[in-house]
Amino acid sequence: MITASYLPKYVDLDVIIGNCSKMLNPGGLLVFHDFTHPKNVILKGFYHGYWLVLKPVLWLSKSWREMGKELKGVIVQSQWVDEIQKTLKKYGFNNMWVEVQRFQIAAIVYATK
């Protein structure tokens, strides 16, 4: 089993999935988790409101300040759930399923080798 959280939106999925494919035995499980941008219009509104509150709070912490400037944009632009499913198929993974988390702000993608 290989798991990763908060990674898919930052990496070359072809490289990561290719390497995971080499490491996993047949039947091995691969699990990826990361933030997502809500698709539901109402949840999108709450999401953007959440960032209006969170960004100034993050600015108060020097260690979180830079992250606060870019993370929302990275999440909004990322299509990692769709991209990872295509890449998993390319490397022969099957039994894929996606679990969208409450409020559509994160997802978990599972697949077996």
N, C-alpha and C. Protein backbone atom coordinates (compact mmCIF):
# COMPACT_ATOMS: atom_id res chain seq x y z
N MET A 1 0.85 -1.18 0.00
CA MET A 1 0.00 0.00 0.00
C MET A 1 0.89 1.23 0.00
N ILE A 2 0.50 2.20 -0.82
CA ILE A 2 1.18 3.50 -0.85
C ILE A 2 0.11 4.56 -0.66
N THR A 3 0.38 5.51 0.25
CA THR A 3 -0.56 6.60 0.49
C THR A 3 0.18 7.94 0.37
N ALA A 4 -0.57 8.95 -0.01
CA ALA A 4 0.00 10.31 -0.08
C ALA A 4 -1.12 11.31 0.16
N SER A 5 -0.84 12.31 0.96
CA SER A 5 -1.78 13.40 1.20
C SER A 5 -1.15 14.72 0.82
N TYR A 6 -1.96 15.60 0.25
CA TYR A 6 -1.58 16.96 -0.11
C TYR A 6 -0.41 16.99 -1.10
N LEU A 7 -0.31 15.97 -1.93
CA LEU A 7 0.77 15.87 -2.91
C LEU A 7 0.30 16.02 -4.36
N PRO A 8 -0.84 15.43 -4.74
CA PRO A 8 -1.18 15.36 -6.17
C PRO A 8 -1.22 16.68 -6.91
N LYS A 9 -1.59 17.76 -6.26
CA LYS A 9 -1.72 19.03 -6.98
C LYS A 9 -0.36 19.68 -7.25
N TYR A 10 0.70 19.15 -6.68
CA TYR A 10 2.02 19.77 -6.81
C TYR A 10 3.00 19.00 -7.70
N VAL A 11 2.69 17.76 -8.05
CA VAL A 11 3.70 16.91 -8.69
C VAL A 11 3.32 16.52 -10.11
N ASP A 12 4.28 15.97 -10.82
CA ASP A 12 4.04 15.38 -12.13
C ASP A 12 3.44 14.00 -11.86
N LEU A 13 2.14 13.88 -12.07
CA LEU A 13 1.46 12.62 -11.74
C LEU A 13 1.98 11.45 -12.55
N ASP A 14 2.43 11.69 -13.77
CA ASP A 14 2.97 10.62 -14.59
C ASP A 14 4.20 10.00 -13.92
N VAL A 15 5.06 10.83 -13.37
CA VAL A 15 6.27 10.35 -12.70
C VAL A 15 5.89 9.60 -11.42
N ILE A 16 5.04 10.20 -10.60
CA ILE A 16 4.66 9.58 -9.32
C ILE A 16 3.94 8.26 -9.53
N ILE A 17 2.92 8.24 -10.40
CA ILE A 17 2.16 7.02 -10.62
C ILE A 17 3.04 5.95 -11.27
N GLY A 18 3.89 6.36 -12.20
CA GLY A 18 4.82 5.41 -12.82
C GLY A 18 5.71 4.75 -11.79
N ASN A 19 6.26 5.53 -10.87
CA ASN A 19 7.12 4.97 -9.82
C ASN A 19 6.32 4.10 -8.84
N CYS A 20 5.13 4.54 -8.48
CA CYS A 20 4.28 3.73 -7.59
C CYS A 20 3.93 2.40 -8.24
N SER A 21 3.68 2.43 -9.53
CA SER A 21 3.35 1.21 -10.27
C SER A 21 4.49 0.20 -10.19
N LYS A 22 5.72 0.68 -10.27
CA LYS A 22 6.88 -0.21 -10.18
C LYS A 22 7.04 -0.80 -8.79
N MET A 23 6.64 -0.06 -7.76
CA MET A 23 6.85 -0.49 -6.38
C MET A 23 5.76 -1.42 -5.85
N LEU A 24 4.56 -1.28 -6.37
CA LEU A 24 3.44 -2.07 -5.84
C LEU A 24 3.37 -3.45 -6.48
N ASN A 25 3.07 -4.44 -5.67
CA ASN A 25 2.79 -5.79 -6.17
C ASN A 25 1.38 -5.82 -6.74
N PRO A 26 1.08 -6.79 -7.58
CA PRO A 26 -0.30 -6.94 -8.05
C PRO A 26 -1.27 -7.01 -6.86
N GLY A 27 -2.35 -6.29 -6.96
CA GLY A 27 -3.32 -6.22 -5.85
C GLY A 27 -3.00 -5.13 -4.84
N GLY A 28 -1.83 -4.48 -4.98
CA GLY A 28 -1.45 -3.42 -4.07
C GLY A 28 -2.38 -2.21 -4.21
N LEU A 29 -2.53 -1.50 -3.13
CA LEU A 29 -3.46 -0.36 -3.08
C LEU A 29 -2.70 0.95 -3.09
N LEU A 30 -3.19 1.89 -3.89
CA LEU A 30 -2.63 3.24 -3.96
C LEU A 30 -3.73 4.20 -3.54
N VAL A 31 -3.42 5.10 -2.60
CA VAL A 31 -4.41 6.05 -2.08
C VAL A 31 -3.82 7.45 -2.11
N PHE A 32 -4.53 8.36 -2.77
CA PHE A 32 -4.13 9.77 -2.80
C PHE A 32 -5.25 10.62 -2.22
N HIS A 33 -4.86 11.62 -1.45
CA HIS A 33 -5.81 12.55 -0.83
C HIS A 33 -5.29 13.96 -1.05
N ASP A 34 -6.20 14.88 -1.36
CA ASP A 34 -5.79 16.28 -1.49
C ASP A 34 -7.03 17.17 -1.48
N PHE A 35 -6.78 18.47 -1.39
CA PHE A 35 -7.85 19.45 -1.44
C PHE A 35 -8.45 19.51 -2.84
N THR A 36 -9.71 19.88 -2.91
CA THR A 36 -10.39 20.11 -4.18
C THR A 36 -11.20 21.40 -4.07
N HIS A 37 -11.57 21.92 -5.21
CA HIS A 37 -12.41 23.11 -5.26
C HIS A 37 -13.85 22.65 -5.47
N PRO A 38 -14.78 23.08 -4.62
CA PRO A 38 -16.17 22.62 -4.75
C PRO A 38 -16.76 22.94 -6.12
N LYS A 39 -17.60 22.03 -6.61
CA LYS A 39 -18.30 22.25 -7.89
C LYS A 39 -19.70 22.81 -7.66
N ASN A 40 -20.28 22.51 -6.52
CA ASN A 40 -21.60 23.01 -6.17
C ASN A 40 -21.52 24.53 -5.95
N VAL A 41 -22.43 25.28 -6.55
CA VAL A 41 -22.40 26.75 -6.50
C VAL A 41 -22.48 27.26 -5.06
N ILE A 42 -23.34 26.69 -4.26
CA ILE A 42 -23.50 27.14 -2.88
C ILE A 42 -22.23 26.84 -2.07
N LEU A 43 -21.71 25.62 -2.23
CA LEU A 43 -20.48 25.27 -1.50
C LEU A 43 -19.30 26.11 -1.96
N LYS A 44 -19.28 26.47 -3.24
CA LYS A 44 -18.24 27.36 -3.76
C LYS A 44 -18.28 28.71 -3.05
N GLY A 45 -19.48 29.23 -2.84
CA GLY A 45 -19.63 30.51 -2.14
C GLY A 45 -19.09 30.44 -0.73
N PHE A 46 -19.44 29.37 -0.01
CA PHE A 46 -18.91 29.19 1.35
C PHE A 46 -17.38 29.04 1.33
N TYR A 47 -16.89 28.31 0.34
CA TYR A 47 -15.46 28.09 0.22
C TYR A 47 -14.71 29.42 0.05
N HIS A 48 -15.19 30.25 -0.84
CA HIS A 48 -14.53 31.54 -1.07
C HIS A 48 -14.67 32.46 0.15
N GLY A 49 -15.80 32.37 0.86
CA GLY A 49 -15.96 33.11 2.11
C GLY A 49 -14.98 32.64 3.18
N TYR A 50 -14.78 31.33 3.24
CA TYR A 50 -13.80 30.75 4.16
C TYR A 50 -12.41 31.33 3.92
N TRP A 51 -12.01 31.45 2.65
CA TRP A 51 -10.70 32.00 2.34
C TRP A 51 -10.60 33.48 2.65
N LEU A 52 -11.71 34.20 2.59
CA LEU A 52 -11.69 35.61 2.98
C LEU A 52 -11.33 35.76 4.45
N VAL A 53 -11.77 34.81 5.26
CA VAL A 53 -11.45 34.82 6.69
C VAL A 53 -10.06 34.24 6.94
N LEU A 54 -9.74 33.15 6.25
CA LEU A 54 -8.48 32.44 6.53
C LEU A 54 -7.24 33.22 6.10
N LYS A 55 -7.29 33.88 4.97
CA LYS A 55 -6.10 34.54 4.44
C LYS A 55 -5.49 35.56 5.41
N PRO A 56 -6.28 36.45 6.03
CA PRO A 56 -5.68 37.38 7.00
C PRO A 56 -5.12 36.66 8.23
N VAL A 57 -5.76 35.57 8.61
CA VAL A 57 -5.26 34.81 9.77
C VAL A 57 -3.91 34.19 9.43
N LEU A 58 -3.78 33.63 8.24
CA LEU A 58 -2.50 33.04 7.82
C LEU A 58 -1.42 34.11 7.72
N TRP A 59 -1.79 35.31 7.31
CA TRP A 59 -0.83 36.40 7.18
C TRP A 59 -0.19 36.73 8.52
N LEU A 60 -0.91 36.50 9.62
CA LEU A 60 -0.38 36.80 10.95
C LEU A 60 0.80 35.91 11.31
N SER A 61 0.90 34.76 10.70
CA SER A 61 1.99 33.83 10.98
C SER A 61 3.03 33.91 9.87
N LYS A 62 4.23 34.30 10.20
CA LYS A 62 5.28 34.43 9.19
C LYS A 62 5.51 33.11 8.45
N SER A 63 5.46 32.00 9.15
CA SER A 63 5.72 30.71 8.52
C SER A 63 4.60 30.28 7.57
N TRP A 64 3.38 30.79 7.74
CA TRP A 64 2.25 30.43 6.88
C TRP A 64 1.91 31.51 5.86
N ARG A 65 2.54 32.66 5.96
CA ARG A 65 2.21 33.80 5.11
C ARG A 65 2.33 33.50 3.61
N GLU A 66 3.43 32.93 3.18
CA GLU A 66 3.64 32.64 1.76
C GLU A 66 2.64 31.61 1.26
N MET A 67 2.39 30.59 2.06
CA MET A 67 1.43 29.57 1.67
C MET A 67 0.05 30.18 1.48
N GLY A 68 -0.30 31.11 2.35
CA GLY A 68 -1.60 31.75 2.29
C GLY A 68 -1.80 32.56 1.02
N LYS A 69 -0.72 33.01 0.42
CA LYS A 69 -0.81 33.81 -0.81
C LYS A 69 -1.20 32.97 -2.01
N GLU A 70 -0.78 31.71 -2.05
CA GLU A 70 -0.93 30.93 -3.27
C GLU A 70 -1.79 29.68 -3.17
N LEU A 71 -2.01 29.15 -1.99
CA LEU A 71 -2.68 27.86 -1.89
C LEU A 71 -4.07 27.85 -2.50
N LYS A 72 -4.87 28.86 -2.23
CA LYS A 72 -6.23 28.88 -2.78
C LYS A 72 -6.19 28.80 -4.31
N GLY A 73 -5.35 29.57 -4.94
CA GLY A 73 -5.24 29.56 -6.39
C GLY A 73 -4.81 28.21 -6.94
N VAL A 74 -3.89 27.58 -6.25
CA VAL A 74 -3.43 26.24 -6.66
C VAL A 74 -4.60 25.25 -6.59
N ILE A 75 -5.36 25.31 -5.51
CA ILE A 75 -6.49 24.40 -5.34
C ILE A 75 -7.56 24.66 -6.40
N VAL A 76 -7.89 25.91 -6.63
CA VAL A 76 -8.93 26.26 -7.60
C VAL A 76 -8.54 25.80 -9.00
N GLN A 77 -7.29 25.94 -9.36
CA GLN A 77 -6.84 25.58 -10.71
C GLN A 77 -6.58 24.09 -10.90
N SER A 78 -6.32 23.38 -9.82
CA SER A 78 -5.95 21.97 -9.92
C SER A 78 -7.11 21.10 -10.40
N GLN A 79 -6.81 20.23 -11.29
CA GLN A 79 -7.75 19.22 -11.77
C GLN A 79 -7.21 17.83 -11.43
N TRP A 80 -6.56 17.72 -10.27
CA TRP A 80 -5.83 16.51 -9.96
C TRP A 80 -6.70 15.25 -9.94
N VAL A 81 -7.96 15.35 -9.54
CA VAL A 81 -8.80 14.14 -9.46
C VAL A 81 -9.00 13.55 -10.85
N ASP A 82 -9.33 14.38 -11.82
CA ASP A 82 -9.50 13.89 -13.19
C ASP A 82 -8.17 13.41 -13.77
N GLU A 83 -7.12 14.18 -13.54
CA GLU A 83 -5.80 13.85 -14.10
C GLU A 83 -5.25 12.55 -13.52
N ILE A 84 -5.45 12.35 -12.22
CA ILE A 84 -4.89 11.14 -11.60
C ILE A 84 -5.61 9.89 -12.09
N GLN A 85 -6.91 9.99 -12.34
CA GLN A 85 -7.64 8.83 -12.84
C GLN A 85 -7.13 8.42 -14.22
N LYS A 86 -6.89 9.39 -15.09
CA LYS A 86 -6.34 9.09 -16.42
C LYS A 86 -4.96 8.45 -16.31
N THR A 87 -4.14 8.99 -15.41
CA THR A 87 -2.79 8.49 -15.25
C THR A 87 -2.80 7.09 -14.64
N LEU A 88 -3.68 6.85 -13.69
CA LEU A 88 -3.78 5.51 -13.10
C LEU A 88 -4.15 4.47 -14.16
N LYS A 89 -5.08 4.80 -15.02
CA LYS A 89 -5.47 3.89 -16.12
C LYS A 89 -4.28 3.62 -17.02
N LYS A 90 -3.53 4.67 -17.32
CA LYS A 90 -2.36 4.54 -18.20
C LYS A 90 -1.37 3.51 -17.65
N TYR A 91 -1.23 3.44 -16.34
CA TYR A 91 -0.27 2.53 -15.72
C TYR A 91 -0.90 1.22 -15.24
N GLY A 92 -2.09 0.93 -15.72
CA GLY A 92 -2.70 -0.37 -15.46
C GLY A 92 -3.39 -0.53 -14.12
N PHE A 93 -3.65 0.55 -13.44
CA PHE A 93 -4.40 0.44 -12.18
C PHE A 93 -5.87 0.23 -12.51
N ASN A 94 -6.57 -0.45 -11.62
CA ASN A 94 -8.00 -0.69 -11.84
C ASN A 94 -8.73 -0.55 -10.50
N ASN A 95 -9.99 -0.92 -10.52
CA ASN A 95 -10.82 -0.79 -9.30
C ASN A 95 -10.67 0.59 -8.67
N MET A 96 -10.68 1.61 -9.52
CA MET A 96 -10.55 2.99 -9.03
C MET A 96 -11.87 3.49 -8.48
N TRP A 97 -11.79 4.22 -7.41
CA TRP A 97 -12.96 4.93 -6.93
C TRP A 97 -12.54 6.23 -6.28
N VAL A 98 -13.44 7.19 -6.36
CA VAL A 98 -13.19 8.52 -5.83
C VAL A 98 -14.20 8.78 -4.73
N GLU A 99 -13.71 9.22 -3.60
CA GLU A 99 -14.57 9.60 -2.47
C GLU A 99 -14.42 11.09 -2.25
N VAL A 100 -15.42 11.85 -2.65
CA VAL A 100 -15.41 13.30 -2.43
C VAL A 100 -15.84 13.54 -0.99
N GLN A 101 -15.05 14.30 -0.28
CA GLN A 101 -15.30 14.54 1.14
C GLN A 101 -16.39 15.59 1.34
N ARG A 102 -16.88 15.67 2.55
CA ARG A 102 -17.94 16.61 2.91
C ARG A 102 -17.59 18.02 2.46
N PHE A 103 -18.55 18.72 1.96
CA PHE A 103 -18.44 20.09 1.47
C PHE A 103 -17.58 20.21 0.21
N GLN A 104 -17.20 19.09 -0.36
CA GLN A 104 -16.45 19.03 -1.62
C GLN A 104 -15.11 19.75 -1.56
N ILE A 105 -14.48 19.81 -0.40
CA ILE A 105 -13.20 20.53 -0.29
C ILE A 105 -11.99 19.60 -0.31
N ALA A 106 -12.24 18.31 -0.43
CA ALA A 106 -11.16 17.34 -0.52
C ALA A 106 -11.70 16.07 -1.16
N ALA A 107 -10.77 15.26 -1.65
CA ALA A 107 -11.16 13.98 -2.23
C ALA A 107 -10.08 12.95 -1.93
N ILE A 108 -10.51 11.68 -1.95
CA ILE A 108 -9.59 10.56 -1.82
C ILE A 108 -9.80 9.70 -3.06
N VAL A 109 -8.69 9.35 -3.71
CA VAL A 109 -8.75 8.48 -4.88
C VAL A 109 -8.02 7.18 -4.50
N TYR A 110 -8.71 6.07 -4.72
CA TYR A 110 -8.17 4.74 -4.43
C TYR A 110 -8.04 3.98 -5.74
N ALA A 111 -7.02 3.13 -5.86
CA ALA A 111 -6.88 2.26 -7.02
C ALA A 111 -6.02 1.07 -6.64
N THR A 112 -6.27 -0.05 -7.31
CA THR A 112 -5.42 -1.23 -7.09
C THR A 112 -4.62 -1.54 -8.33
N LYS A 113 -3.46 -2.13 -8.11
CA LYS A 113 -2.55 -2.51 -9.20
C LYS A 113 -2.97 -3.84 -9.75
